[in-house]
Amino acid sequence: MKKIVFILPLLAAMAFLSCRPSSPSVYRGLPKTYTTAYATMYGHCYDSISSAVLTLDLYSDGLELTKDNSIQGTGYNLCLSDVLVPDSLLEEGTYSSSDSAEPFTFLPGRSYEGYPHGAYLLNIEENKVKTIQILDSGQFVYRNDSLLFTLYYRNAYGYKATYTCSYAGALIPLSK
């Protein structure tokens, strides 16, 4: 009987601790580096914004863009739409997420009618989107053909988490 009295509180404590969600601060398994990066220039496409607009589209190892501009493979696709630049090219400097529509900013991630917009990360397996992670804030630095990102998102438990990654190499122009 004494053994049962000792074991019951121990089992109760283990059950309580196993029900508490852990709070990971970093998305496990995400790529730290990207192997290919495309820049699509849209120019001065918004009447109410004086800045030019471009999109950055980065692919991890295992993903590629086919000749008909469809994604093929398994990996991650980091997208930053509506990067606002002073002129027609991505200029060296620090870009921060903002709704201000100023140069050197990009739109924070959002879900618009079920579709991601702004900054988001696609997990693609065998040519199909498995998960979409909205990146709600952050910044990136562009210098000497390299990009260094520090982006934030809400993890499955609602905690703010950090994702850092980089790309080294020339941006490939992609026409739309």
N, C-alpha and C. Protein backbone atom coordinates (compact mmCIF):
# COMPACT_ATOMS: atom_id res chain seq x y z
N MET A 1 0.82 -1.20 0.00
CA MET A 1 0.00 0.00 0.00
C MET A 1 0.86 1.26 0.00
N LYS A 2 2.00 1.20 0.72
CA LYS A 2 2.88 2.36 0.78
C LYS A 2 3.47 2.65 -0.60
N LYS A 3 3.73 1.59 -1.38
CA LYS A 3 4.28 1.78 -2.72
C LYS A 3 3.28 2.51 -3.61
N ILE A 4 2.00 2.18 -3.50
CA ILE A 4 0.97 2.83 -4.32
C ILE A 4 0.85 4.30 -3.93
N VAL A 5 0.93 4.62 -2.64
CA VAL A 5 0.84 6.00 -2.18
C VAL A 5 2.01 6.82 -2.73
N PHE A 6 3.17 6.21 -2.85
CA PHE A 6 4.33 6.90 -3.40
C PHE A 6 4.23 7.06 -4.92
N ILE A 7 3.74 6.06 -5.60
CA ILE A 7 3.68 6.06 -7.05
C ILE A 7 2.58 6.99 -7.58
N LEU A 8 1.45 7.08 -6.92
CA LEU A 8 0.34 7.91 -7.41
C LEU A 8 0.72 9.38 -7.56
N PRO A 9 1.36 10.04 -6.56
CA PRO A 9 1.75 11.44 -6.78
C PRO A 9 2.78 11.58 -7.90
N LEU A 10 3.67 10.60 -8.04
CA LEU A 10 4.66 10.63 -9.10
C LEU A 10 4.00 10.55 -10.48
N LEU A 11 3.03 9.66 -10.62
CA LEU A 11 2.29 9.55 -11.89
C LEU A 11 1.49 10.82 -12.18
N ALA A 12 0.90 11.40 -11.15
CA ALA A 12 0.13 12.64 -11.33
C ALA A 12 1.04 13.77 -11.79
N ALA A 13 2.23 13.87 -11.22
CA ALA A 13 3.18 14.91 -11.62
C ALA A 13 3.63 14.70 -13.05
N MET A 14 3.90 13.47 -13.42
CA MET A 14 4.31 13.19 -14.80
C MET A 14 3.20 13.52 -15.78
N ALA A 15 1.97 13.20 -15.45
CA ALA A 15 0.83 13.50 -16.32
C ALA A 15 0.67 15.01 -16.47
N PHE A 16 0.81 15.75 -15.38
CA PHE A 16 0.69 17.20 -15.43
C PHE A 16 1.77 17.80 -16.32
N LEU A 17 3.02 17.37 -16.15
CA LEU A 17 4.11 17.92 -16.95
C LEU A 17 4.01 17.55 -18.41
N SER A 18 3.49 16.37 -18.71
CA SER A 18 3.38 15.98 -20.11
C SER A 18 2.27 16.73 -20.83
N CYS A 19 1.32 17.29 -20.12
CA CYS A 19 0.23 18.05 -20.74
C CYS A 19 0.63 19.49 -21.05
N ARG A 20 1.66 19.98 -20.40
CA ARG A 20 2.09 21.36 -20.64
C ARG A 20 2.83 21.43 -21.97
N PRO A 21 2.43 22.33 -22.86
CA PRO A 21 3.15 22.42 -24.14
C PRO A 21 4.53 23.02 -23.92
N SER A 22 5.47 22.51 -24.64
CA SER A 22 6.79 23.13 -24.59
C SER A 22 6.71 24.42 -25.39
N SER A 23 7.66 25.29 -25.20
CA SER A 23 7.62 26.56 -25.92
C SER A 23 8.89 26.72 -26.75
N PRO A 24 8.96 26.01 -27.88
CA PRO A 24 10.16 26.14 -28.71
C PRO A 24 10.26 27.56 -29.25
N SER A 25 11.47 28.10 -29.29
CA SER A 25 11.64 29.46 -29.78
C SER A 25 12.16 29.49 -31.21
N VAL A 26 12.54 28.35 -31.75
CA VAL A 26 13.05 28.31 -33.10
C VAL A 26 12.40 27.14 -33.83
N TYR A 27 11.94 27.39 -35.03
CA TYR A 27 11.34 26.35 -35.86
C TYR A 27 12.43 25.33 -36.19
N ARG A 28 12.29 24.12 -35.73
CA ARG A 28 13.30 23.09 -35.96
C ARG A 28 13.25 22.59 -37.41
N GLY A 29 14.41 22.36 -37.97
CA GLY A 29 14.48 21.79 -39.29
C GLY A 29 14.42 22.79 -40.43
N LEU A 30 14.25 24.05 -40.14
CA LEU A 30 14.23 25.05 -41.22
C LEU A 30 15.64 25.27 -41.74
N PRO A 31 15.76 25.56 -43.02
CA PRO A 31 17.10 25.78 -43.57
C PRO A 31 17.72 27.06 -43.01
N LYS A 32 19.00 27.00 -42.76
CA LYS A 32 19.74 28.19 -42.31
C LYS A 32 20.29 28.96 -43.50
N THR A 33 20.41 28.28 -44.64
CA THR A 33 20.88 28.95 -45.85
C THR A 33 19.99 28.56 -47.02
N TYR A 34 19.89 29.47 -47.96
CA TYR A 34 19.15 29.22 -49.19
C TYR A 34 20.13 29.17 -50.35
N THR A 35 19.81 28.39 -51.36
CA THR A 35 20.75 28.15 -52.45
C THR A 35 20.46 28.96 -53.71
N THR A 36 19.23 29.42 -53.87
CA THR A 36 18.84 30.18 -55.05
C THR A 36 17.92 31.32 -54.61
N ALA A 37 18.09 32.49 -55.23
CA ALA A 37 17.24 33.62 -54.91
C ALA A 37 16.87 34.39 -56.18
N TYR A 38 15.59 34.66 -56.32
CA TYR A 38 15.08 35.41 -57.46
C TYR A 38 14.55 36.76 -56.98
N ALA A 39 14.71 37.76 -57.82
CA ALA A 39 14.13 39.08 -57.57
C ALA A 39 13.24 39.42 -58.76
N THR A 40 12.00 39.72 -58.48
CA THR A 40 11.05 40.12 -59.52
C THR A 40 10.74 41.60 -59.33
N MET A 41 11.03 42.41 -60.33
CA MET A 41 10.81 43.84 -60.25
C MET A 41 9.47 44.21 -60.86
N TYR A 42 8.67 44.93 -60.07
CA TYR A 42 7.37 45.40 -60.55
C TYR A 42 7.38 46.90 -60.82
N GLY A 43 8.43 47.59 -60.41
CA GLY A 43 8.54 49.03 -60.65
C GLY A 43 7.58 49.82 -59.78
N HIS A 44 7.16 50.96 -60.30
CA HIS A 44 6.24 51.84 -59.56
C HIS A 44 4.81 51.40 -59.91
N CYS A 45 4.35 50.35 -59.26
CA CYS A 45 3.07 49.76 -59.65
C CYS A 45 1.88 50.22 -58.80
N TYR A 46 2.14 50.92 -57.68
CA TYR A 46 1.04 51.41 -56.85
C TYR A 46 0.94 52.92 -57.00
N ASP A 47 -0.23 53.41 -57.31
CA ASP A 47 -0.43 54.85 -57.49
C ASP A 47 -0.14 55.64 -56.21
N SER A 48 -0.47 55.07 -55.07
CA SER A 48 -0.36 55.80 -53.80
C SER A 48 1.02 55.69 -53.16
N ILE A 49 1.95 54.93 -53.77
CA ILE A 49 3.28 54.73 -53.19
C ILE A 49 4.32 55.19 -54.19
N SER A 50 5.24 56.04 -53.74
CA SER A 50 6.27 56.56 -54.65
C SER A 50 7.44 55.60 -54.83
N SER A 51 7.55 54.59 -53.99
CA SER A 51 8.65 53.63 -54.08
C SER A 51 8.38 52.60 -55.17
N ALA A 52 9.47 52.03 -55.68
CA ALA A 52 9.35 50.89 -56.59
C ALA A 52 9.16 49.62 -55.74
N VAL A 53 8.62 48.59 -56.36
CA VAL A 53 8.28 47.35 -55.64
C VAL A 53 8.99 46.18 -56.30
N LEU A 54 9.54 45.29 -55.46
CA LEU A 54 10.08 44.04 -55.96
C LEU A 54 9.71 42.92 -54.99
N THR A 55 9.86 41.70 -55.46
CA THR A 55 9.59 40.51 -54.65
C THR A 55 10.86 39.68 -54.57
N LEU A 56 11.19 39.18 -53.38
CA LEU A 56 12.30 38.25 -53.20
C LEU A 56 11.72 36.86 -52.99
N ASP A 57 12.29 35.91 -53.68
CA ASP A 57 11.79 34.53 -53.66
C ASP A 57 13.01 33.62 -53.53
N LEU A 58 13.21 33.01 -52.35
CA LEU A 58 14.40 32.20 -52.08
C LEU A 58 14.03 30.73 -51.95
N TYR A 59 14.92 29.86 -52.44
CA TYR A 59 14.68 28.41 -52.44
C TYR A 59 15.80 27.69 -51.70
N SER A 60 15.41 26.73 -50.88
CA SER A 60 16.40 25.90 -50.19
C SER A 60 16.88 24.80 -51.14
N ASP A 61 17.90 24.11 -50.70
CA ASP A 61 18.41 22.98 -51.46
C ASP A 61 17.27 21.97 -51.63
N GLY A 62 17.08 21.46 -52.82
CA GLY A 62 16.01 20.49 -53.09
C GLY A 62 14.84 21.09 -53.85
N LEU A 63 14.79 22.42 -53.94
CA LEU A 63 13.72 23.09 -54.70
C LEU A 63 14.33 23.81 -55.89
N GLU A 64 13.57 23.87 -56.95
CA GLU A 64 14.00 24.64 -58.11
C GLU A 64 12.78 25.21 -58.82
N LEU A 65 13.04 26.21 -59.62
CA LEU A 65 12.00 26.83 -60.42
C LEU A 65 12.16 26.32 -61.85
N THR A 66 11.10 25.76 -62.41
CA THR A 66 11.16 25.21 -63.76
C THR A 66 11.06 26.33 -64.80
N LYS A 67 11.22 25.99 -66.07
CA LYS A 67 11.16 26.98 -67.15
C LYS A 67 9.80 27.67 -67.23
N ASP A 68 8.74 26.96 -66.81
CA ASP A 68 7.41 27.58 -66.83
C ASP A 68 7.06 28.23 -65.49
N ASN A 69 8.09 28.51 -64.67
CA ASN A 69 7.95 29.20 -63.38
C ASN A 69 7.10 28.45 -62.36
N SER A 70 7.17 27.14 -62.36
CA SER A 70 6.52 26.38 -61.29
C SER A 70 7.60 25.76 -60.40
N ILE A 71 7.28 25.60 -59.14
CA ILE A 71 8.24 25.08 -58.17
C ILE A 71 8.25 23.56 -58.26
N GLN A 72 9.45 23.00 -58.25
CA GLN A 72 9.59 21.55 -58.33
C GLN A 72 10.54 21.07 -57.23
N GLY A 73 10.17 19.98 -56.54
CA GLY A 73 11.05 19.37 -55.55
C GLY A 73 10.47 19.39 -54.16
N THR A 74 11.37 19.24 -53.18
CA THR A 74 11.01 19.23 -51.76
C THR A 74 11.97 20.15 -51.03
N GLY A 75 11.43 21.07 -50.25
CA GLY A 75 12.25 22.02 -49.49
C GLY A 75 11.43 23.20 -49.03
N TYR A 76 12.10 24.32 -48.82
CA TYR A 76 11.44 25.53 -48.32
C TYR A 76 11.58 26.67 -49.32
N ASN A 77 10.54 27.49 -49.37
CA ASN A 77 10.49 28.67 -50.24
C ASN A 77 10.17 29.87 -49.36
N LEU A 78 11.14 30.77 -49.19
CA LEU A 78 10.97 31.98 -48.41
C LEU A 78 10.55 33.10 -49.36
N CYS A 79 9.40 33.72 -49.11
CA CYS A 79 8.85 34.76 -49.99
C CYS A 79 8.71 36.06 -49.24
N LEU A 80 9.16 37.14 -49.86
CA LEU A 80 8.92 38.49 -49.35
C LEU A 80 8.36 39.30 -50.51
N SER A 81 7.05 39.47 -50.50
CA SER A 81 6.44 40.28 -51.54
C SER A 81 6.38 41.73 -51.07
N ASP A 82 6.27 42.61 -51.99
CA ASP A 82 6.19 44.04 -51.70
C ASP A 82 7.36 44.55 -50.87
N VAL A 83 8.57 44.33 -51.39
CA VAL A 83 9.77 44.96 -50.83
C VAL A 83 9.86 46.32 -51.51
N LEU A 84 9.86 47.38 -50.73
CA LEU A 84 9.85 48.73 -51.28
C LEU A 84 11.27 49.27 -51.37
N VAL A 85 11.65 49.66 -52.59
CA VAL A 85 13.00 50.13 -52.85
C VAL A 85 12.94 51.56 -53.40
N PRO A 86 13.98 52.35 -53.16
CA PRO A 86 13.95 53.73 -53.62
C PRO A 86 13.87 53.87 -55.13
N ASP A 87 14.55 53.00 -55.86
CA ASP A 87 14.56 53.09 -57.31
C ASP A 87 14.11 51.75 -57.87
N SER A 88 14.79 51.24 -58.85
CA SER A 88 14.36 50.02 -59.51
C SER A 88 15.11 48.76 -59.10
N LEU A 89 16.07 48.86 -58.21
CA LEU A 89 16.86 47.71 -57.81
C LEU A 89 16.91 47.59 -56.30
N LEU A 90 17.22 46.40 -55.83
CA LEU A 90 17.44 46.20 -54.41
C LEU A 90 18.77 46.86 -54.07
N GLU A 91 18.72 47.88 -53.23
CA GLU A 91 19.92 48.60 -52.85
C GLU A 91 20.46 48.06 -51.54
N GLU A 92 21.77 48.18 -51.34
CA GLU A 92 22.36 47.72 -50.10
C GLU A 92 21.79 48.51 -48.93
N GLY A 93 21.54 47.79 -47.83
CA GLY A 93 21.01 48.43 -46.64
C GLY A 93 20.21 47.45 -45.81
N THR A 94 19.57 47.98 -44.78
CA THR A 94 18.73 47.19 -43.89
C THR A 94 17.27 47.49 -44.20
N TYR A 95 16.50 46.44 -44.42
CA TYR A 95 15.08 46.53 -44.74
C TYR A 95 14.29 45.96 -43.56
N SER A 96 13.28 46.68 -43.11
CA SER A 96 12.47 46.25 -41.97
C SER A 96 11.02 46.09 -42.38
N SER A 97 10.33 45.17 -41.70
CA SER A 97 8.90 44.99 -41.99
C SER A 97 8.14 46.19 -41.46
N SER A 98 7.21 46.68 -42.27
CA SER A 98 6.46 47.87 -41.90
C SER A 98 5.27 48.04 -42.83
N ASP A 99 4.25 48.69 -42.33
CA ASP A 99 3.11 49.08 -43.15
C ASP A 99 3.25 50.51 -43.66
N SER A 100 4.41 51.13 -43.43
CA SER A 100 4.58 52.55 -43.71
C SER A 100 4.72 52.89 -45.19
N ALA A 101 5.02 51.94 -46.05
CA ALA A 101 5.19 52.16 -47.49
C ALA A 101 6.36 53.07 -47.79
N GLU A 102 7.38 53.03 -46.96
CA GLU A 102 8.59 53.80 -47.16
C GLU A 102 9.66 52.92 -47.81
N PRO A 103 10.63 53.52 -48.50
CA PRO A 103 11.73 52.72 -49.03
C PRO A 103 12.46 51.98 -47.90
N PHE A 104 13.08 50.86 -48.22
CA PHE A 104 13.80 50.00 -47.29
C PHE A 104 12.85 49.33 -46.29
N THR A 105 11.63 49.04 -46.74
CA THR A 105 10.68 48.28 -45.92
C THR A 105 10.09 47.16 -46.77
N PHE A 106 9.47 46.21 -46.09
CA PHE A 106 8.69 45.17 -46.76
C PHE A 106 7.47 44.88 -45.91
N LEU A 107 6.41 44.40 -46.56
CA LEU A 107 5.18 44.15 -45.83
C LEU A 107 5.33 42.97 -44.88
N PRO A 108 4.84 43.11 -43.65
CA PRO A 108 4.84 41.96 -42.75
C PRO A 108 3.87 40.90 -43.28
N GLY A 109 4.07 39.68 -42.86
CA GLY A 109 3.23 38.60 -43.35
C GLY A 109 1.81 38.66 -42.82
N ARG A 110 0.87 38.27 -43.68
CA ARG A 110 -0.55 38.24 -43.31
C ARG A 110 -1.22 37.14 -44.12
N SER A 111 -2.34 36.71 -43.62
CA SER A 111 -3.18 35.81 -44.39
C SER A 111 -4.34 36.64 -44.92
N TYR A 112 -4.50 36.66 -46.22
CA TYR A 112 -5.58 37.43 -46.84
C TYR A 112 -6.50 36.44 -47.55
N GLU A 113 -7.70 36.28 -47.01
CA GLU A 113 -8.69 35.34 -47.55
C GLU A 113 -8.09 33.94 -47.74
N GLY A 114 -7.27 33.54 -46.76
CA GLY A 114 -6.69 32.20 -46.79
C GLY A 114 -5.40 32.06 -47.56
N TYR A 115 -4.93 33.14 -48.17
CA TYR A 115 -3.69 33.10 -48.94
C TYR A 115 -2.63 33.95 -48.25
N PRO A 116 -1.38 33.48 -48.23
CA PRO A 116 -0.33 34.28 -47.58
C PRO A 116 0.04 35.49 -48.42
N HIS A 117 0.43 36.54 -47.75
CA HIS A 117 0.85 37.77 -48.41
C HIS A 117 1.92 38.42 -47.55
N GLY A 118 2.80 39.18 -48.15
CA GLY A 118 3.87 39.84 -47.40
C GLY A 118 5.03 38.89 -47.24
N ALA A 119 5.39 38.56 -46.01
CA ALA A 119 6.51 37.66 -45.72
C ALA A 119 5.95 36.33 -45.22
N TYR A 120 6.35 35.25 -45.88
CA TYR A 120 5.86 33.93 -45.48
C TYR A 120 6.83 32.85 -45.95
N LEU A 121 6.68 31.67 -45.38
CA LEU A 121 7.55 30.54 -45.66
C LEU A 121 6.71 29.34 -46.05
N LEU A 122 6.99 28.78 -47.21
CA LEU A 122 6.27 27.60 -47.68
C LEU A 122 7.13 26.35 -47.48
N ASN A 123 6.56 25.32 -46.89
CA ASN A 123 7.20 24.02 -46.78
C ASN A 123 6.61 23.18 -47.91
N ILE A 124 7.43 22.81 -48.88
CA ILE A 124 6.96 22.11 -50.07
C ILE A 124 7.51 20.69 -50.06
N GLU A 125 6.62 19.74 -50.23
CA GLU A 125 7.03 18.33 -50.32
C GLU A 125 6.46 17.75 -51.60
N GLU A 126 7.35 17.22 -52.42
CA GLU A 126 6.97 16.60 -53.68
C GLU A 126 6.05 17.51 -54.50
N ASN A 127 6.48 18.75 -54.65
CA ASN A 127 5.80 19.75 -55.49
C ASN A 127 4.48 20.26 -54.93
N LYS A 128 4.14 19.94 -53.69
CA LYS A 128 2.89 20.41 -53.08
C LYS A 128 3.19 21.16 -51.79
N VAL A 129 2.45 22.23 -51.53
CA VAL A 129 2.63 22.99 -50.31
C VAL A 129 2.09 22.18 -49.14
N LYS A 130 2.97 21.87 -48.19
CA LYS A 130 2.56 21.11 -47.01
C LYS A 130 2.10 22.05 -45.90
N THR A 131 2.91 23.09 -45.61
CA THR A 131 2.54 24.07 -44.59
C THR A 131 2.93 25.46 -45.05
N ILE A 132 2.25 26.45 -44.48
CA ILE A 132 2.55 27.86 -44.72
C ILE A 132 2.78 28.51 -43.36
N GLN A 133 3.91 29.17 -43.19
CA GLN A 133 4.20 29.89 -41.96
C GLN A 133 4.24 31.38 -42.28
N ILE A 134 3.34 32.15 -41.70
CA ILE A 134 3.32 33.60 -41.87
C ILE A 134 4.42 34.20 -40.99
N LEU A 135 5.24 35.07 -41.56
CA LEU A 135 6.32 35.74 -40.83
C LEU A 135 5.85 37.17 -40.55
N ASP A 136 5.47 37.43 -39.29
CA ASP A 136 4.76 38.68 -39.00
C ASP A 136 5.63 39.91 -38.82
N SER A 137 6.95 39.76 -38.71
CA SER A 137 7.81 40.93 -38.59
C SER A 137 9.26 40.51 -38.80
N GLY A 138 10.15 41.49 -38.81
CA GLY A 138 11.56 41.18 -38.93
C GLY A 138 12.31 42.16 -39.80
N GLN A 139 13.50 41.74 -40.21
CA GLN A 139 14.32 42.57 -41.07
C GLN A 139 15.29 41.70 -41.85
N PHE A 140 15.87 42.30 -42.89
CA PHE A 140 16.96 41.64 -43.59
C PHE A 140 17.97 42.70 -44.01
N VAL A 141 19.20 42.25 -44.14
CA VAL A 141 20.30 43.13 -44.55
C VAL A 141 20.80 42.63 -45.90
N TYR A 142 20.94 43.53 -46.85
CA TYR A 142 21.47 43.20 -48.18
C TYR A 142 22.79 43.93 -48.36
N ARG A 143 23.87 43.15 -48.54
CA ARG A 143 25.19 43.70 -48.77
C ARG A 143 25.99 42.74 -49.65
N ASN A 144 26.68 43.29 -50.63
CA ASN A 144 27.64 42.52 -51.44
C ASN A 144 27.09 41.18 -51.90
N ASP A 145 25.94 41.17 -52.52
CA ASP A 145 25.32 39.93 -53.00
C ASP A 145 25.08 38.91 -51.90
N SER A 146 24.71 39.37 -50.73
CA SER A 146 24.31 38.44 -49.67
C SER A 146 23.14 39.03 -48.89
N LEU A 147 22.31 38.13 -48.38
CA LEU A 147 21.14 38.51 -47.59
C LEU A 147 21.22 37.80 -46.25
N LEU A 148 20.95 38.54 -45.19
CA LEU A 148 20.90 37.97 -43.84
C LEU A 148 19.56 38.35 -43.23
N PHE A 149 18.74 37.34 -42.90
CA PHE A 149 17.38 37.55 -42.42
C PHE A 149 17.26 37.26 -40.93
N THR A 150 16.49 38.07 -40.23
CA THR A 150 16.01 37.79 -38.88
C THR A 150 14.51 38.05 -38.93
N LEU A 151 13.73 36.98 -38.91
CA LEU A 151 12.28 37.09 -39.07
C LEU A 151 11.59 36.47 -37.87
N TYR A 152 10.38 36.93 -37.59
CA TYR A 152 9.62 36.46 -36.42
C TYR A 152 8.27 35.91 -36.86
N TYR A 153 7.79 34.95 -36.11
CA TYR A 153 6.50 34.32 -36.39
C TYR A 153 5.91 33.81 -35.09
N ARG A 154 4.66 33.44 -35.14
CA ARG A 154 4.00 32.82 -33.98
C ARG A 154 4.04 31.32 -34.17
N ASN A 155 4.59 30.60 -33.19
CA ASN A 155 4.66 29.15 -33.32
C ASN A 155 3.31 28.52 -32.97
N ALA A 156 3.25 27.21 -32.97
CA ALA A 156 1.99 26.49 -32.75
C ALA A 156 1.36 26.80 -31.39
N TYR A 157 2.18 27.25 -30.43
CA TYR A 157 1.67 27.56 -29.09
C TYR A 157 1.35 29.04 -28.92
N GLY A 158 1.53 29.82 -29.98
CA GLY A 158 1.23 31.25 -29.92
C GLY A 158 2.38 32.11 -29.44
N TYR A 159 3.53 31.50 -29.16
CA TYR A 159 4.69 32.27 -28.72
C TYR A 159 5.43 32.85 -29.92
N LYS A 160 6.01 34.03 -29.71
CA LYS A 160 6.80 34.64 -30.78
C LYS A 160 8.12 33.89 -30.88
N ALA A 161 8.48 33.48 -32.08
CA ALA A 161 9.69 32.71 -32.32
C ALA A 161 10.52 33.41 -33.38
N THR A 162 11.80 33.08 -33.42
CA THR A 162 12.74 33.71 -34.33
C THR A 162 13.21 32.72 -35.39
N TYR A 163 13.34 33.22 -36.60
CA TYR A 163 13.92 32.43 -37.68
C TYR A 163 15.01 33.26 -38.33
N THR A 164 16.25 32.76 -38.30
CA THR A 164 17.36 33.44 -38.95
C THR A 164 17.87 32.55 -40.08
N CYS A 165 18.22 33.18 -41.19
CA CYS A 165 18.72 32.44 -42.34
C CYS A 165 19.49 33.41 -43.23
N SER A 166 20.16 32.85 -44.25
CA SER A 166 20.96 33.71 -45.11
C SER A 166 20.99 33.16 -46.53
N TYR A 167 21.47 34.01 -47.42
CA TYR A 167 21.69 33.65 -48.81
C TYR A 167 22.95 34.38 -49.27
N ALA A 168 23.82 33.68 -49.97
CA ALA A 168 25.01 34.31 -50.54
C ALA A 168 25.04 34.02 -52.04
N GLY A 169 25.11 35.06 -52.83
CA GLY A 169 25.14 34.91 -54.28
C GLY A 169 24.34 36.00 -54.93
N ALA A 170 24.44 36.06 -56.23
CA ALA A 170 23.71 37.07 -56.99
C ALA A 170 22.23 36.73 -57.04
N LEU A 171 21.40 37.76 -57.04
CA LEU A 171 19.97 37.59 -57.21
C LEU A 171 19.68 37.38 -58.69
N ILE A 172 18.86 36.40 -59.00
CA ILE A 172 18.52 36.11 -60.39
C ILE A 172 17.28 36.94 -60.74
N PRO A 173 17.36 37.80 -61.76
CA PRO A 173 16.17 38.57 -62.15
C PRO A 173 15.13 37.64 -62.76
N LEU A 174 13.91 37.82 -62.34
CA LEU A 174 12.81 37.02 -62.86
C LEU A 174 11.77 37.98 -63.41
N SER A 175 11.42 37.84 -64.66
CA SER A 175 10.43 38.76 -65.24
C SER A 175 9.04 38.17 -65.14
N LYS A 176 8.09 39.03 -64.93
CA LYS A 176 6.68 38.63 -64.84
C LYS A 176 5.92 39.18 -66.01
